[in-house]
PDB file of N, CA and C in Angstrom:
ATOM      1  N   ILE A   1       0.983  -1.583  -0.115  1.00  0.00           N
ATOM      2  CA  ILE A   1       0.070  -0.003   0.278  1.00  0.00           C
ATOM      3  C   ILE A   1       0.685   1.173  -0.292  1.00  0.00           C
ATOM      4  N   SER A   2       0.636   2.403  -0.791  1.00  0.00           N
ATOM      5  CA  SER A   2       1.187   2.991  -1.066  1.00  0.00           C
ATOM      6  C   SER A   2       0.997   4.856  -0.355  1.00  0.00           C
ATOM      7  N   THR A   3       2.160   5.127  -0.253  1.00  0.00           N
ATOM      8  CA  THR A   3       1.127   6.610   0.442  1.00  0.00           C
ATOM      9  C   THR A   3       1.041   7.632  -0.343  1.00  0.00           C
ATOM     10  N   GLU A   4       1.386   7.548  -1.489  1.00  0.00           N
ATOM     11  CA  GLU A   4       1.004   8.382  -2.577  1.00  0.00           C
ATOM     12  C   GLU A   4      -0.948   8.514  -3.014  1.00  0.00           C
ATOM     13  N   ILE A   5      -0.974   9.075  -2.838  1.00  0.00           N
ATOM     14  CA  ILE A   5      -3.114  10.090  -3.206  1.00  0.00           C
ATOM     15  C   ILE A   5      -2.483   9.739  -4.307  1.00  0.00           C
ATOM     16  N   PRO A   6      -3.883   9.159  -4.689  1.00  0.00           N
ATOM     17  CA  PRO A   6      -4.026   7.959  -6.190  1.00  0.00           C
ATOM     18  C   PRO A   6      -4.672   9.584  -6.584  1.00  0.00           C
ATOM     19  N   VAL A   7      -4.907   9.425  -7.839  1.00  0.00           N
ATOM     20  CA  VAL A   7      -5.648  11.046  -9.358  1.00  0.00           C
ATOM     21  C   VAL A   7      -6.897   9.574  -9.248  1.00  0.00           C
ATOM     22  N   ARG A   8      -7.712   8.718  -9.155  1.00  0.00           N
ATOM     23  CA  ARG A   8      -8.736   8.470  -9.196  1.00  0.00           C
ATOM     24  C   ARG A   8      -9.082   7.284  -8.463  1.00  0.00           C
ATOM     25  N   PHE A   9     -10.476   7.547  -8.990  1.00  0.00           N
ATOM     26  CA  PHE A   9     -10.888   6.382  -7.911  1.00  0.00           C
ATOM     27  C   PHE A   9     -10.839   4.992  -8.949  1.00  0.00           C
ATOM     28  N   VAL A  10     -10.707   3.394  -7.870  1.00  0.00           N
ATOM     29  CA  VAL A  10     -10.033   2.485  -8.538  1.00  0.00           C
ATOM     30  C   VAL A  10     -10.482   0.810  -7.224  1.00  0.00           C
ATOM     31  N   LEU A  11     -11.805   0.908  -8.633  1.00  0.00           N
ATOM     32  CA  LEU A  11     -12.197  -0.811  -7.168  1.00  0.00           C
ATOM     33  C   LEU A  11     -11.184  -2.131  -8.085  1.00  0.00           C
ATOM     34  N   TYR A  12     -10.375  -2.893  -7.691  1.00  0.00           N
ATOM     35  CA  TYR A  12      -9.721  -3.323  -8.549  1.00  0.00           C
ATOM     36  C   TYR A  12     -10.170  -4.600  -7.817  1.00  0.00           C
ATOM     37  N   GLN A  13     -10.042  -6.360  -9.098  1.00  0.00           N
ATOM     38  CA  GLN A  13     -10.782  -7.033  -8.501  1.00  0.00           C
ATOM     39  C   GLN A  13     -10.793  -8.216  -7.506  1.00  0.00           C
ATOM     40  N   ASN A  14     -11.121  -8.898  -6.429  1.00  0.00           N
ATOM     41  CA  ASN A  14     -10.391  -9.497  -5.691  1.00  0.00           C
ATOM     42  C   ASN A  14      -9.348  -9.869  -5.586  1.00  0.00           C
ATOM     43  N   PHE A  15      -8.397 -10.439  -5.023  1.00  0.00           N
ATOM     44  CA  PHE A  15      -7.705 -11.676  -5.122  1.00  0.00           C
ATOM     45  C   PHE A  15      -7.716 -12.363  -4.405  1.00  0.00           C
ATOM     46  N   PRO A  16      -7.890 -14.028  -3.727  1.00  0.00           N
ATOM     47  CA  PRO A  16      -7.827 -14.521  -4.812  1.00  0.00           C
ATOM     48  C   PRO A  16      -9.722 -15.073  -5.797  1.00  0.00           C
ATOM     49  N   ASN A  17      -9.890 -15.489  -6.743  1.00  0.00           N
ATOM     50  CA  ASN A  17     -11.006 -14.842  -7.080  1.00  0.00           C
ATOM     51  C   ASN A  17     -11.115 -15.895  -8.347  1.00  0.00           C
ATOM     52  N   PRO A  18     -11.753 -17.244  -8.148  1.00  0.00           N
ATOM     53  CA  PRO A  18     -12.350 -18.028  -6.716  1.00  0.00           C
ATOM     54  C   PRO A  18     -11.126 -17.907  -5.372  1.00  0.00           C
ATOM     55  N   PHE A  19     -12.062 -17.424  -3.843  1.00  0.00           N
ATOM     56  CA  PHE A  19     -10.802 -17.894  -2.458  1.00  0.00           C
ATOM     57  C   PHE A  19     -12.176 -19.158  -2.121  1.00  0.00           C
ATOM     58  N   ASN A  20     -11.508 -18.886  -1.339  1.00  0.00           N
ATOM     59  CA  ASN A  20     -11.957 -20.189  -0.372  1.00  0.00           C
ATOM     60  C   ASN A  20     -10.612 -20.506   1.382  1.00  0.00           C
ATOM     61  N   PRO A  21     -11.693 -19.745   2.048  1.00  0.00           N
ATOM     62  CA  PRO A  21     -12.194 -18.128   3.010  1.00  0.00           C
ATOM     63  C   PRO A  21     -11.711 -17.949   2.991  1.00  0.00           C
ATOM     64  N   THR A  22     -10.667 -16.613   2.639  1.00  0.00           N
ATOM     65  CA  THR A  22     -10.521 -15.272   2.362  1.00  0.00           C
ATOM     66  C   THR A  22     -10.287 -14.991   1.638  1.00  0.00           C
ATOM     67  N   THR A  23     -10.955 -13.379   0.461  1.00  0.00           N
ATOM     68  CA  THR A  23     -10.178 -12.793  -0.582  1.00  0.00           C
ATOM     69  C   THR A  23     -10.323 -11.630   0.138  1.00  0.00           C
ATOM     70  N   LYS A  24      -9.476 -10.892  -1.139  1.00  0.00           N
ATOM     71  CA  LYS A  24      -8.611  -9.405  -0.617  1.00  0.00           C
ATOM     72  C   LYS A  24      -8.873  -8.034  -1.285  1.00  0.00           C
ATOM     73  N   ILE A  25      -9.916  -7.808  -0.875  1.00  0.00           N
ATOM     74  CA  ILE A  25     -10.480  -6.357  -1.884  1.00  0.00           C
ATOM     75  C   ILE A  25      -9.908  -4.426  -2.245  1.00  0.00           C
ATOM     76  N   LYS A  26      -9.262  -4.748  -2.381  1.00  0.00           N
ATOM     77  CA  LYS A  26      -7.888  -3.291  -2.831  1.00  0.00           C
ATOM     78  C   LYS A  26      -9.302  -2.500  -3.651  1.00  0.00           C
ATOM     79  N   PHE A  27      -8.999  -1.348  -2.826  1.00  0.00           N
ATOM     80  CA  PHE A  27      -9.374  -0.055  -3.646  1.00  0.00           C
ATOM     81  C   PHE A  27      -8.482   1.513  -3.204  1.00  0.00           C
ATOM     82  N   GLU A  28      -8.668   2.381  -4.627  1.00  0.00           N
ATOM     83  CA  GLU A  28      -7.331   3.604  -4.206  1.00  0.00           C
ATOM     84  C   GLU A  28      -8.940   4.856  -4.049  1.00  0.00           C
ATOM     85  N   LEU A  29      -8.596   5.797  -3.012  1.00  0.00           N
ATOM     86  CA  LEU A  29     -10.069   6.853  -3.185  1.00  0.00           C
ATOM     87  C   LEU A  29      -9.347   7.911  -3.776  1.00  0.00           C
ATOM     88  N   PRO A  30      -9.047   9.261  -4.433  1.00  0.00           N
ATOM     89  CA  PRO A  30      -8.619  10.434  -4.776  1.00  0.00           C
ATOM     90  C   PRO A  30      -8.716  11.898  -3.493  1.00  0.00           C
ATOM     91  N   PHE A  31      -9.835  11.250  -2.907  1.00  0.00           N
ATOM     92  CA  PHE A  31     -10.577  12.392  -2.122  1.00  0.00           C
ATOM     93  C   PHE A  31     -10.747  11.566  -0.989  1.00  0.00           C
ATOM     94  N   SER A  32     -10.955  11.989   0.291  1.00  0.00           N
ATOM     95  CA  SER A  32     -10.769  11.721   1.802  1.00  0.00           C
ATOM     96  C   SER A  32     -12.878  11.694   1.732  1.00  0.00           C
ATOM     97  N   GLY A  33     -12.755  10.969   2.415  1.00  0.00           N
ATOM     98  CA  GLY A  33     -14.920  11.408   2.358  1.00  0.00           C
ATOM     99  C   GLY A  33     -15.699   9.522   3.838  1.00  0.00           C
ATOM    100  N   LEU A  34     -16.646   9.900   3.432  1.00  0.00           N
ATOM    101  CA  LEU A  34     -17.379   8.521   3.940  1.00  0.00           C
ATOM    102  C   LEU A  34     -17.059   7.161   2.892  1.00  0.00           C
ATOM    103  N   THR A  35     -16.501   6.703   3.256  1.00  0.00           N
ATOM    104  CA  THR A  35     -17.419   5.188   2.455  1.00  0.00           C
ATOM    105  C   THR A  35     -17.595   4.318   2.350  1.00  0.00           C
ATOM    106  N   LYS A  36     -18.485   3.273   1.964  1.00  0.00           N
ATOM    107  CA  LYS A  36     -19.563   2.790   2.221  1.00  0.00           C
ATOM    108  C   LYS A  36     -18.888   1.356   1.762  1.00  0.00           C
ATOM    109  N   ILE A  37     -18.877  -0.245   2.090  1.00  0.00           N
ATOM    110  CA  ILE A  37     -17.838  -1.130   1.334  1.00  0.00           C
ATOM    111  C   ILE A  37     -19.721  -2.199   1.990  1.00  0.00           C
ATOM    112  N   VAL A  38     -19.710  -2.429   0.969  1.00  0.00           N
ATOM    113  CA  VAL A  38     -20.852  -3.511   0.509  1.00  0.00           C
ATOM    114  C   VAL A  38     -21.061  -4.403   0.191  1.00  0.00           C
ATOM    115  N   ILE A  39     -21.260  -6.177   0.441  1.00  0.00           N
ATOM    116  CA  ILE A  39     -20.572  -7.395   0.109  1.00  0.00           C
ATOM    117  C   ILE A  39     -22.996  -8.178  -0.302  1.00  0.00           C
ATOM    118  N   TYR A  40     -22.618  -7.743  -1.922  1.00  0.00           N
ATOM    119  CA  TYR A  40     -24.014  -8.912  -1.549  1.00  0.00           C
ATOM    120  C   TYR A  40     -23.908 -10.127  -2.360  1.00  0.00           C
ATOM    121  N   ASP A  41     -25.311 -10.720  -0.902  1.00  0.00           N
ATOM    122  CA  ASP A  41     -25.209 -12.312  -1.937  1.00  0.00           C
ATOM    123  C   ASP A  41     -25.931 -12.358  -3.607  1.00  0.00           C
ATOM    124  N   ILE A  42     -26.020 -13.488  -4.404  1.00  0.00           N
ATOM    125  CA  ILE A  42     -26.285 -13.392  -5.735  1.00  0.00           C
ATOM    126  C   ILE A  42     -28.390 -13.277  -5.728  1.00  0.00           C
ATOM    127  N   LEU A  43     -28.591 -12.932  -4.325  1.00  0.00           N
ATOM    128  CA  LEU A  43     -29.876 -12.531  -4.128  1.00  0.00           C
ATOM    129  C   LEU A  43     -30.179 -11.455  -3.854  1.00  0.00           C
ATOM    130  N   GLY A  44     -28.221 -10.807  -3.601  1.00  0.00           N
ATOM    131  CA  GLY A  44     -28.652  -9.196  -3.184  1.00  0.00           C
ATOM    132  C   GLY A  44     -28.839  -8.551  -1.627  1.00  0.00           C
ATOM    133  N   ARG A  45     -29.064 -10.101  -1.632  1.00  0.00           N
ATOM    134  CA  ARG A  45     -29.140  -9.407   0.467  1.00  0.00           C
ATOM    135  C   ARG A  45     -27.599  -8.866   0.944  1.00  0.00           C
ATOM    136  N   GLU A  46     -27.041  -7.922   1.667  1.00  0.00           N
ATOM    137  CA  GLU A  46     -26.213  -7.185   2.084  1.00  0.00           C
ATOM    138  C   GLU A  46     -26.212  -8.702   3.460  1.00  0.00           C
ATOM    139  N   VAL A  47     -24.476  -9.158   3.188  1.00  0.00           N
ATOM    140  CA  VAL A  47     -24.012 -10.471   4.236  1.00  0.00           C
ATOM    141  C   VAL A  47     -22.674  -8.986   4.400  1.00  0.00           C
ATOM    142  N   PHE A  48     -22.545  -8.586   4.432  1.00  0.00           N
ATOM    143  CA  PHE A  48     -21.324  -7.344   5.092  1.00  0.00           C
ATOM    144  C   PHE A  48     -21.843  -6.142   4.638  1.00  0.00           C
ATOM    145  N   LYS A  49     -21.113  -5.445   5.857  1.00  0.00           N
ATOM    146  CA  LYS A  49     -21.262  -3.524   5.557  1.00  0.00           C
ATOM    147  C   LYS A  49     -20.640  -3.010   6.165  1.00  0.00           C
ATOM    148  N   MET A  50     -19.754  -1.834   5.627  1.00  0.00           N
ATOM    149  CA  MET A  50     -18.529  -1.272   6.415  1.00  0.00           C
ATOM    150  C   MET A  50     -18.940   0.520   6.147  1.00  0.00           C
ATOM    151  N   ASP A  51     -19.512   1.224   6.544  1.00  0.00           N
ATOM    152  CA  ASP A  51     -18.809   2.872   7.244  1.00  0.00           C
ATOM    153  C   ASP A  51     -17.875   3.131   7.947  1.00  0.00           C
ATOM    154  N   GLU A  52     -16.818   3.829   7.157  1.00  0.00           N
ATOM    155  CA  GLU A  52     -16.895   4.724   7.616  1.00  0.00           C
ATOM    156  C   GLU A  52     -15.625   5.674   6.892  1.00  0.00           C
ATOM    157  N   PHE A  53     -15.470   6.531   7.721  1.00  0.00           N
ATOM    158  CA  PHE A  53     -14.773   7.869   6.905  1.00  0.00           C
ATOM    159  C   PHE A  53     -12.926   7.835   6.745  1.00  0.00           C
ATOM    160  N   LYS A  54     -12.306   7.799   5.443  1.00  0.00           N
ATOM    161  CA  LYS A  54     -11.124   7.231   4.582  1.00  0.00           C
ATOM    162  C   LYS A  54     -10.875   7.896   4.176  1.00  0.00           C
ATOM    163  N   LYS A  55      -9.205   8.738   4.791  1.00  0.00           N
ATOM    164  CA  LYS A  55      -8.560   9.742   4.002  1.00  0.00           C
ATOM    165  C   LYS A  55      -8.687   8.978   2.776  1.00  0.00           C
ATOM    166  N   ALA A  56      -8.402   9.462   1.724  1.00  0.00           N
ATOM    167  CA  ALA A  56      -7.492  10.160   0.347  1.00  0.00           C
ATOM    168  C   ALA A  56      -5.995   8.910  -0.071  1.00  0.00           C
ATOM    169  N   GLY A  57      -6.074   7.904  -0.290  1.00  0.00           N
ATOM    170  CA  GLY A  57      -5.416   6.659  -0.058  1.00  0.00           C
ATOM    171  C   GLY A  57      -6.040   5.491  -0.928  1.00  0.00           C
ATOM    172  N   SER A  58      -4.934   4.121  -1.018  1.00  0.00           N
ATOM    173  CA  SER A  58      -4.922   3.251  -0.602  1.00  0.00           C
ATOM    174  C   SER A  58      -5.105   2.484   0.075  1.00  0.00           C
ATOM    175  N   TYR A  59      -6.266   1.296  -0.245  1.00  0.00           N
ATOM    176  CA  TYR A  59      -6.661   0.220   1.076  1.00  0.00           C
ATOM    177  C   TYR A  59      -7.038  -0.944   0.817  1.00  0.00           C
ATOM    178  N   GLU A  60      -6.771  -2.096   1.365  1.00  0.00           N
ATOM    179  CA  GLU A  60      -7.458  -3.252   1.321  1.00  0.00           C
ATOM    180  C   GLU A  60      -7.433  -4.131   1.977  1.00  0.00           C
ATOM    181  N   ILE A  61      -8.996  -4.679   2.382  1.00  0.00           N
ATOM    182  CA  ILE A  61      -9.855  -4.933   2.797  1.00  0.00           C
ATOM    183  C   ILE A  61      -9.413  -6.336   3.221  1.00  0.00           C
ATOM    184  N   THR A  62     -10.004  -7.504   4.008  1.00  0.00           N
ATOM    185  CA  THR A  62      -9.825  -8.841   4.350  1.00  0.00           C
ATOM    186  C   THR A  62     -11.472  -9.081   4.161  1.00  0.00           C
ATOM    187  N   PHE A  63     -11.994 -10.037   3.428  1.00  0.00           N
ATOM    188  CA  PHE A  63     -13.139 -10.353   3.402  1.00  0.00           C
ATOM    189  C   PHE A  63     -13.350 -12.590   3.816  1.00  0.00           C
ATOM    190  N   GLU A  64     -13.913 -12.904   4.890  1.00  0.00           N
ATOM    191  CA  GLU A  64     -13.803 -13.806   5.788  1.00  0.00           C
ATOM    192  C   GLU A  64     -15.098 -14.646   4.975  1.00  0.00           C
ATOM    193  N   GLY A  65     -14.765 -15.662   4.627  1.00  0.00           N
ATOM    194  CA  GLY A  65     -15.944 -16.623   3.804  1.00  0.00           C
ATOM    195  C   GLY A  65     -16.429 -17.151   4.270  1.00  0.00           C
ATOM    196  N   SER A  66     -15.524 -18.064   5.652  1.00  0.00           N
ATOM    197  CA  SER A  66     -15.632 -19.312   6.448  1.00  0.00           C
ATOM    198  C   SER A  66     -17.301 -19.265   6.215  1.00  0.00           C
ATOM    199  N   ASN A  67     -18.068 -18.106   6.323  1.00  0.00           N
ATOM    200  CA  ASN A  67     -19.778 -18.307   7.380  1.00  0.00           C
ATOM    201  C   ASN A  67     -20.535 -18.454   6.039  1.00  0.00           C
ATOM    202  N   PHE A  68     -20.102 -18.566   5.272  1.00  0.00           N
ATOM    203  CA  PHE A  68     -20.851 -17.843   3.868  1.00  0.00           C
ATOM    204  C   PHE A  68     -21.115 -19.631   3.367  1.00  0.00           C
ATOM    205  N   ALA A  69     -22.075 -19.353   2.326  1.00  0.00           N
ATOM    206  CA  ALA A  69     -22.236 -20.536   1.337  1.00  0.00           C
ATOM    207  C   ALA A  69     -21.612 -20.431   0.208  1.00  0.00           C
ATOM    208  N   SER A  70     -21.087 -21.393  -0.106  1.00  0.00           N
ATOM    209  CA  SER A  70     -20.332 -20.850  -1.445  1.00  0.00           C
ATOM    210  C   SER A  70     -21.151 -20.229  -2.678  1.00  0.00           C
ATOM    211  N   GLY A  71     -20.968 -19.708  -3.881  1.00  0.00           N
ATOM    212  CA  GLY A  71     -22.138 -18.912  -4.862  1.00  0.00           C
ATOM    213  C   GLY A  71     -20.815 -17.731  -5.031  1.00  0.00           C
ATOM    214  N   ILE A  72     -21.486 -16.714  -6.161  1.00  0.00           N
ATOM    215  CA  ILE A  72     -21.530 -16.119  -6.250  1.00  0.00           C
ATOM    216  C   ILE A  72     -21.801 -14.571  -5.853  1.00  0.00           C
ATOM    217  N   TYR A  73     -20.996 -13.491  -5.367  1.00  0.00           N
ATOM    218  CA  TYR A  73     -20.952 -12.508  -4.543  1.00  0.00           C
ATOM    219  C   TYR A  73     -20.658 -11.369  -5.534  1.00  0.00           C
ATOM    220  N   PHE A  74     -21.436 -10.074  -4.571  1.00  0.00           N
ATOM    221  CA  PHE A  74     -20.920  -8.856  -5.685  1.00  0.00           C
ATOM    222  C   PHE A  74     -20.477  -7.818  -4.376  1.00  0.00           C
ATOM    223  N   TYR A  75     -19.159  -6.986  -4.800  1.00  0.00           N
ATOM    224  CA  TYR A  75     -18.283  -6.297  -3.589  1.00  0.00           C
ATOM    225  C   TYR A  75     -18.383  -4.805  -3.890  1.00  0.00           C
ATOM    226  N   SER A  76     -19.710  -4.096  -3.844  1.00  0.00           N
ATOM    227  CA  SER A  76     -19.315  -2.964  -4.171  1.00  0.00           C
ATOM    228  C   SER A  76     -18.887  -1.253  -2.655  1.00  0.00           C
ATOM    229  N   VAL A  77     -17.919  -0.674  -3.326  1.00  0.00           N
ATOM    230  CA  VAL A  77     -17.141   0.037  -3.101  1.00  0.00           C
ATOM    231  C   VAL A  77     -17.990   1.747  -2.925  1.00  0.00           C
ATOM    232  N   GLU A  78     -18.275   2.460  -2.308  1.00  0.00           N
ATOM    233  CA  GLU A  78     -19.079   3.896  -3.235  1.00  0.00           C
ATOM    234  C   GLU A  78     -18.815   5.472  -2.002  1.00  0.00           C
ATOM    235  N   SER A  79     -17.857   5.729  -2.472  1.00  0.00           N
ATOM    236  CA  SER A  79     -17.086   7.135  -1.589  1.00  0.00           C
ATOM    237  C   SER A  79     -17.890   7.951  -2.551  1.00  0.00           C
ATOM    238  N   GLY A  80     -18.343   9.262  -1.897  1.00  0.00           N
ATOM    239  CA  GLY A  80     -18.452  10.409  -2.602  1.00  0.00           C
ATOM    240  C   GLY A  80     -19.517  10.100  -3.531  1.00  0.00           C
ATOM    241  N   LYS A  81     -18.136  11.203  -5.280  1.00  0.00           N
ATOM    242  CA  LYS A  81     -20.263   9.991  -5.979  1.00  0.00           C
ATOM    243  C   LYS A  81     -19.425   9.367  -6.696  1.00  0.00           C
ATOM    244  N   PHE A  82     -18.332   8.576  -6.125  1.00  0.00           N
ATOM    245  CA  PHE A  82     -17.506   7.441  -6.767  1.00  0.00           C
ATOM    246  C   PHE A  82     -18.535   6.607  -6.345  1.00  0.00           C
ATOM    247  N   LYS A  83     -18.979   5.755  -7.569  1.00  0.00           N
ATOM    248  CA  LYS A  83     -18.999   4.275  -6.364  1.00  0.00           C
ATOM    249  C   LYS A  83     -18.091   2.738  -8.062  1.00  0.00           C
ATOM    250  N   ASP A  84     -18.278   1.785  -7.300  1.00  0.00           N
ATOM    251  CA  ASP A  84     -18.258   0.208  -8.305  1.00  0.00           C
ATOM    252  C   ASP A  84     -18.625  -0.875  -8.482  1.00  0.00           C
ATOM    253  N   THR A  85     -18.923  -1.961  -8.476  1.00  0.00           N
ATOM    254  CA  THR A  85     -19.560  -2.747  -8.293  1.00  0.00           C
ATOM    255  C   THR A  85     -18.492  -4.092  -9.123  1.00  0.00           C
ATOM    256  N   LYS A  86     -17.969  -5.225  -8.295  1.00  0.00           N
ATOM    257  CA  LYS A  86     -17.556  -6.324  -8.978  1.00  0.00           C
ATOM    258  C   LYS A  86     -18.064  -7.824  -8.082  1.00  0.00           C
ATOM    259  N   LYS A  87     -18.015  -8.990  -8.845  1.00  0.00           N
ATOM    260  CA  LYS A  87     -18.400  -9.903  -8.912  1.00  0.00           C
ATOM    261  C   LYS A  87     -16.710 -10.929  -8.124  1.00  0.00           C
ATOM    262  N   MET A  88     -17.710 -11.437  -7.313  1.00  0.00           N
ATOM    263  CA  MET A  88     -16.449 -12.957  -6.510  1.00  0.00           C
ATOM    264  C   MET A  88     -16.932 -14.183  -5.948  1.00  0.00           C
ATOM    265  N   VAL A  89     -16.197 -15.623  -6.239  1.00  0.00           N
ATOM    266  CA  VAL A  89     -17.410 -16.360  -6.441  1.00  0.00           C
ATOM    267  C   VAL A  89     -16.349 -16.960  -4.736  1.00  0.00           C
ATOM    268  N   LEU A  90     -17.056 -17.451  -4.167  1.00  0.00           N
ATOM    269  CA  LEU A  90     -16.287 -18.222  -3.142  1.00  0.00           C
ATOM    270  C   LEU A  90     -17.117 -19.727  -3.305  1.00  0.00           C
ATOM    271  N   LEU A  91     -15.889 -20.395  -3.558  1.00  0.00           N
ATOM    272  CA  LEU A  91     -15.710 -22.251  -3.518  1.00  0.00           C
ATOM    273  C   LEU A  91     -15.391 -22.768  -2.004  1.00  0.00           C
ATOM    274  N   LYS A  92     -16.050 -23.557  -1.871  1.00  0.00           N
ATOM    275  CA  LYS A  92     -15.274 -24.759  -0.411  1.00  0.00           C
ATOM    276  C   LYS A  92     -15.773 -25.434  -1.287  1.00  0.00           C
TER     277      LYS A  92
END
């Protein structure tokens, strides 16, 4: 994770994908602000949510999927006017 401030909002593909039981989600924020990270199951139900004020910079969170069923999940990061969603697969 760099100390440089990113020039644009980026949500990277989680790694590894497919994963079991953990995966890393990396994103970059060009501006400080309230940041919402949400993970949904295939039916659109929230299975994880985090709302935090984050300073501009690069971040990486680890998602623990041990208590969830195998399948397709979506993760979304929203901060200010930026929002992106990607797909990940949990295989057990």
